[in-house]
C-alpha atoms as a PDB file:
ATOM      1  CA  MET A   1      56.626  -9.482   9.802  1.00  0.00           C
ATOM      2  CA  PRO A   2      58.259 -11.969   7.569  1.00  0.00           C
ATOM      3  CA  THR A   3      55.910 -14.596   5.868  1.00  0.00           C
ATOM      4  CA  MET A   4      57.478 -18.353   6.459  1.00  0.00           C
ATOM      5  CA  GLN A   5      58.214 -18.179   2.741  1.00  0.00           C
ATOM      6  CA  GLU A   6      59.960 -15.527   2.638  1.00  0.00           C
ATOM      7  CA  VAL A   7      62.129 -16.903   6.037  1.00  0.00           C
ATOM      8  CA  LEU A   8      62.659 -19.997   3.527  1.00  0.00           C
ATOM      9  CA  ALA A   9      63.911 -17.620   0.879  1.00  0.00           C
ATOM     10  CA  ASP A  10      66.980 -16.441   2.561  1.00  0.00           C
ATOM     11  CA  THR A  11      69.715 -19.411   2.581  1.00  0.00           C
ATOM     12  CA  THR A  12      71.007 -18.851   6.218  1.00  0.00           C
ATOM     13  CA  GLN A  13      67.451 -18.336   8.083  1.00  0.00           C
ATOM     14  CA  ARG A  14      66.378 -21.475   5.805  1.00  0.00           C
ATOM     15  CA  LYS A  15      69.304 -23.618   7.329  1.00  0.00           C
ATOM     16  CA  ASN A  16      68.542 -22.261  10.814  1.00  0.00           C
ATOM     17  CA  LEU A  17      64.930 -23.375  10.598  1.00  0.00           C
ATOM     18  CA  ILE A  18      65.928 -26.594   9.373  1.00  0.00           C
ATOM     19  CA  GLU A  19      68.356 -27.242  12.269  1.00  0.00           C
ATOM     20  CA  ASP A  20      65.469 -26.183  14.976  1.00  0.00           C
ATOM     21  CA  CYS A  21      62.950 -28.194  13.006  1.00  0.00           C
ATOM     22  CA  ALA A  22      65.310 -31.640  13.340  1.00  0.00           C
ATOM     23  CA  ARG A  23      66.056 -30.650  16.985  1.00  0.00           C
ATOM     24  CA  LEU A  24      62.470 -30.455  17.461  1.00  0.00           C
ATOM     25  CA  ILE A  25      61.546 -33.968  15.814  1.00  0.00           C
ATOM     26  CA  ASP A  26      64.897 -35.438  17.968  1.00  0.00           C
ATOM     27  CA  ASP A  27      63.310 -34.102  20.821  1.00  0.00           C
ATOM     28  CA  GLU A  28      60.086 -35.043  20.189  1.00  0.00           C
ATOM     29  CA  VAL A  29      61.047 -38.797  19.359  1.00  0.00           C
ATOM     30  CA  GLN A  30      63.339 -39.300  22.669  1.00  0.00           C
ATOM     31  CA  ASN A  31      60.082 -37.985  24.658  1.00  0.00           C
ATOM     32  CA  LYS A  32      57.582 -40.499  23.691  1.00  0.00           C
ATOM     33  CA  GLY A  33      56.936 -43.243  26.716  1.00  0.00           C
ATOM     34  CA  GLY A  34      55.338 -46.045  26.441  1.00  0.00           C
ATOM     35  CA  LEU A  35      54.568 -49.116  24.236  1.00  0.00           C
ATOM     36  CA  GLY A  36      53.704 -46.591  21.512  1.00  0.00           C
ATOM     37  CA  GLY A  37      56.799 -44.633  22.255  1.00  0.00           C
ATOM     38  CA  MET A  38      58.975 -47.504  21.707  1.00  0.00           C
ATOM     39  CA  ALA A  39      57.730 -48.485  18.010  1.00  0.00           C
ATOM     40  CA  ILE A  40      58.506 -44.449  16.924  1.00  0.00           C
ATOM     41  CA  LYS A  41      61.504 -44.539  18.855  1.00  0.00           C
ATOM     42  CA  ALA A  42      62.568 -47.741  16.678  1.00  0.00           C
ATOM     43  CA  GLY A  43      61.572 -46.610  13.487  1.00  0.00           C
ATOM     44  CA  TYR A  44      62.957 -42.997  13.457  1.00  0.00           C
ATOM     45  CA  LYS A  45      65.977 -45.282  14.329  1.00  0.00           C
ATOM     46  CA  VAL A  46      65.229 -46.962  11.145  1.00  0.00           C
ATOM     47  CA  VAL A  47      64.774 -43.914   9.087  1.00  0.00           C
ATOM     48  CA  LYS A  48      67.839 -41.898  10.383  1.00  0.00           C
ATOM     49  CA  GLY A  49      69.809 -44.945  10.448  1.00  0.00           C
ATOM     50  CA  LEU A  50      69.560 -45.057   6.298  1.00  0.00           C
ATOM     51  CA  LYS A  51      72.084 -42.216   5.861  1.00  0.00           C
ATOM     52  CA  PRO A  52      73.498 -39.649   7.655  1.00  0.00           C
ATOM     53  CA  GLY A  53      71.090 -36.286   7.374  1.00  0.00           C
ATOM     54  CA  PHE A  54      68.495 -38.061   6.231  1.00  0.00           C
ATOM     55  CA  ILE A  55      66.325 -35.655   8.590  1.00  0.00           C
ATOM     56  CA  HIS A  56      67.693 -32.661   7.852  1.00  0.00           C
ATOM     57  CA  GLU A  57      66.745 -33.421   3.769  1.00  0.00           C
ATOM     58  CA  ALA A  58      63.891 -34.786   4.150  1.00  0.00           C
ATOM     59  CA  THR A  59      63.074 -31.724   6.409  1.00  0.00           C
ATOM     60  CA  ASP A  60      64.610 -29.356   3.552  1.00  0.00           C
ATOM     61  CA  SER A  61      62.211 -31.003   0.976  1.00  0.00           C
ATOM     62  CA  LEU A  62      59.207 -30.865   2.875  1.00  0.00           C
ATOM     63  CA  ILE A  63      59.832 -27.464   4.677  1.00  0.00           C
ATOM     64  CA  ASP A  64      58.397 -25.456   1.626  1.00  0.00           C
ATOM     65  CA  ALA A  65      54.925 -27.020   1.666  1.00  0.00           C
ATOM     66  CA  PHE A  66      54.560 -27.260   5.267  1.00  0.00           C
ATOM     67  CA  ALA A  67      55.312 -23.508   5.111  1.00  0.00           C
ATOM     68  CA  GLU A  68      52.747 -23.177   2.413  1.00  0.00           C
ATOM     69  CA  GLN A  69      49.999 -24.941   4.496  1.00  0.00           C
ATOM     70  CA  LEU A  70      51.117 -23.095   8.295  1.00  0.00           C
ATOM     71  CA  GLN A  71      51.484 -19.778   6.478  1.00  0.00           C
ATOM     72  CA  PRO A  72      47.590 -19.087   6.564  1.00  0.00           C
ATOM     73  CA  ILE A  73      47.329 -20.393  10.137  1.00  0.00           C
ATOM     74  CA  ALA A  74      49.878 -18.185  11.318  1.00  0.00           C
ATOM     75  CA  THR A  75      48.606 -14.983   9.683  1.00  0.00           C
ATOM     76  CA  GLU A  76      44.806 -15.978  10.781  1.00  0.00           C
ATOM     77  CA  ALA A  77      46.882 -15.872  13.955  1.00  0.00           C
ATOM     78  CA  LYS A  78      48.079 -12.365  13.467  1.00  0.00           C
ATOM     79  CA  GLU A  79      44.771 -10.503  12.181  1.00  0.00           C
ATOM     80  CA  LYS A  80      43.452 -11.777  15.304  1.00  0.00           C
ATOM     81  CA  GLY A  81      45.787 -10.172  17.750  1.00  0.00           C
ATOM     82  CA  LYS A  82      47.247 -13.841  19.523  1.00  0.00           C
ATOM     83  CA  PRO A  83      50.784 -15.038  19.425  1.00  0.00           C
ATOM     84  CA  VAL A  84      51.273 -17.809  17.253  1.00  0.00           C
ATOM     85  CA  ALA A  85      52.548 -19.980  19.116  1.00  0.00           C
ATOM     86  CA  ALA A  86      49.362 -19.771  21.535  1.00  0.00           C
ATOM     87  CA  PHE A  87      47.221 -19.961  18.279  1.00  0.00           C
ATOM     88  CA  PHE A  88      48.668 -22.883  17.011  1.00  0.00           C
ATOM     89  CA  ASP A  89      48.040 -24.938  20.047  1.00  0.00           C
ATOM     90  CA  SER A  90      44.875 -23.784  20.059  1.00  0.00           C
ATOM     91  CA  GLU A  91      44.472 -25.572  16.763  1.00  0.00           C
ATOM     92  CA  ARG A  92      46.021 -28.301  17.050  1.00  0.00           C
ATOM     93  CA  SER A  93      44.133 -30.979  15.128  1.00  0.00           C
ATOM     94  CA  ARG A  94      43.697 -28.293  12.404  1.00  0.00           C
ATOM     95  CA  VAL A  95      47.711 -27.612  12.192  1.00  0.00           C
ATOM     96  CA  ALA A  96      48.200 -31.884  12.673  1.00  0.00           C
ATOM     97  CA  GLU A  97      46.235 -32.301   9.321  1.00  0.00           C
ATOM     98  CA  ALA A  98      47.903 -29.764   7.403  1.00  0.00           C
ATOM     99  CA  LEU A  99      51.492 -31.184   8.271  1.00  0.00           C
ATOM    100  CA  LEU A 100      50.446 -34.709   7.723  1.00  0.00           C
ATOM    101  CA  SER A 101      48.738 -33.868   4.066  1.00  0.00           C
ATOM    102  CA  ILE A 102      51.714 -33.022   3.362  1.00  0.00           C
ATOM    103  CA  THR A 103      53.556 -36.274   4.515  1.00  0.00           C
ATOM    104  CA  ASP A 104      50.837 -38.238   3.359  1.00  0.00           C
ATOM    105  CA  LYS A 105      51.391 -37.257  -0.163  1.00  0.00           C
ATOM    106  CA  ARG A 106      55.126 -37.814   0.375  1.00  0.00           C
ATOM    107  CA  ALA A 107      54.884 -40.781   1.466  1.00  0.00           C
ATOM    108  CA  GLU A 108      52.592 -41.939  -0.803  1.00  0.00           C
ATOM    109  CA  ARG A 109      55.189 -41.266  -4.025  1.00  0.00           C
ATOM    110  CA  SER A 110      57.957 -42.242  -1.889  1.00  0.00           C
ATOM    111  CA  SER A 111      60.824 -44.959  -3.771  1.00  0.00           C
ATOM    112  CA  HIS A 112      61.905 -46.240  -0.309  1.00  0.00           C
ATOM    113  CA  LYS A 113      60.093 -48.796   0.734  1.00  0.00           C
ATOM    114  CA  VAL A 114      61.498 -49.152   4.567  1.00  0.00           C
ATOM    115  CA  VAL A 115      60.507 -45.383   4.759  1.00  0.00           C
ATOM    116  CA  LYS A 116      56.865 -45.771   3.233  1.00  0.00           C
ATOM    117  CA  GLY A 117      56.512 -49.099   5.516  1.00  0.00           C
ATOM    118  CA  THR A 118      57.532 -47.728   8.114  1.00  0.00           C
ATOM    119  CA  TYR A 119      55.267 -44.356   7.617  1.00  0.00           C
ATOM    120  CA  GLN A 120      52.664 -46.492   7.365  1.00  0.00           C
ATOM    121  CA  LYS A 121      53.269 -48.502   9.898  1.00  0.00           C
ATOM    122  CA  LEU A 122      52.750 -45.421  12.278  1.00  0.00           C
ATOM    123  CA  ARG A 123      50.194 -43.471  10.503  1.00  0.00           C
ATOM    124  CA  PRO A 124      47.279 -44.555  12.254  1.00  0.00           C
ATOM    125  CA  THR A 125      48.505 -42.876  15.586  1.00  0.00           C
ATOM    126  CA  ALA A 126      50.781 -39.993  13.873  1.00  0.00           C
ATOM    127  CA  LYS A 127      47.899 -37.327  14.543  1.00  0.00           C
ATOM    128  CA  LYS A 128      47.877 -37.634  18.055  1.00  0.00           C
ATOM    129  CA  HIS A 129      51.874 -37.371  17.982  1.00  0.00           C
ATOM    130  CA  VAL A 130      52.009 -34.818  15.847  1.00  0.00           C
ATOM    131  CA  GLU A 131      48.951 -32.488  17.547  1.00  0.00           C
ATOM    132  CA  ASP A 132      51.761 -33.369  20.915  1.00  0.00           C
ATOM    133  CA  ALA A 133      54.148 -31.501  18.336  1.00  0.00           C
ATOM    134  CA  VAL A 134      52.552 -28.477  17.606  1.00  0.00           C
ATOM    135  CA  PRO A 135      53.078 -26.328  20.555  1.00  0.00           C
ATOM    136  CA  GLY A 136      56.827 -26.451  19.432  1.00  0.00           C
ATOM    137  CA  VAL A 137      56.346 -25.856  15.687  1.00  0.00           C
ATOM    138  CA  GLY A 138      54.170 -22.996  16.881  1.00  0.00           C
ATOM    139  CA  ARG A 139      57.145 -21.416  19.171  1.00  0.00           C
ATOM    140  CA  LEU A 140      59.413 -22.006  15.852  1.00  0.00           C
ATOM    141  CA  VAL A 141      57.184 -20.689  13.364  1.00  0.00           C
ATOM    142  CA  GLU A 142      56.921 -17.299  15.913  1.00  0.00           C
ATOM    143  CA  LYS A 143      60.444 -17.562  16.573  1.00  0.00           C
ATOM    144  CA  HIS A 144      61.645 -17.524  13.247  1.00  0.00           C
ATOM    145  CA  THR A 145      59.154 -14.892  11.546  1.00  0.00           C
ATOM    146  CA  ALA A 146      59.428 -12.603  14.534  1.00  0.00           C
ATOM    147  CA  GLY A 147      60.344 -10.177  11.818  1.00  0.00           C
END
């Protein structure tokens, strides 16, 4: 089974993983309901409107750091003989914190005031939303590292 870093080193596999990630993000945002969901959808629309392909570019720029944070969790799942997706699901809080540690650092350094402001507005509720997406993240890791 290849590691996430090995998958990302292959240009075609990297492109496919980024496409799947962007689709997962779109799906997660579209499935949000209520007032909180409206805020997320509005913020996402603003960020996507900055320039075409922004989500793909942002994903590409973050994916290596995400892989670095997620690979040890995926390795732990394999060592325990558990499917990666199921293990990620059981470790939602841990996986969410690993991902948010990357986006927090990136947002802090961002020169895009709109992106930074939108992130800061949404960050207080981000962990819950990222936790909701963890099963999908686990499925993507499992899919793309299935050897």
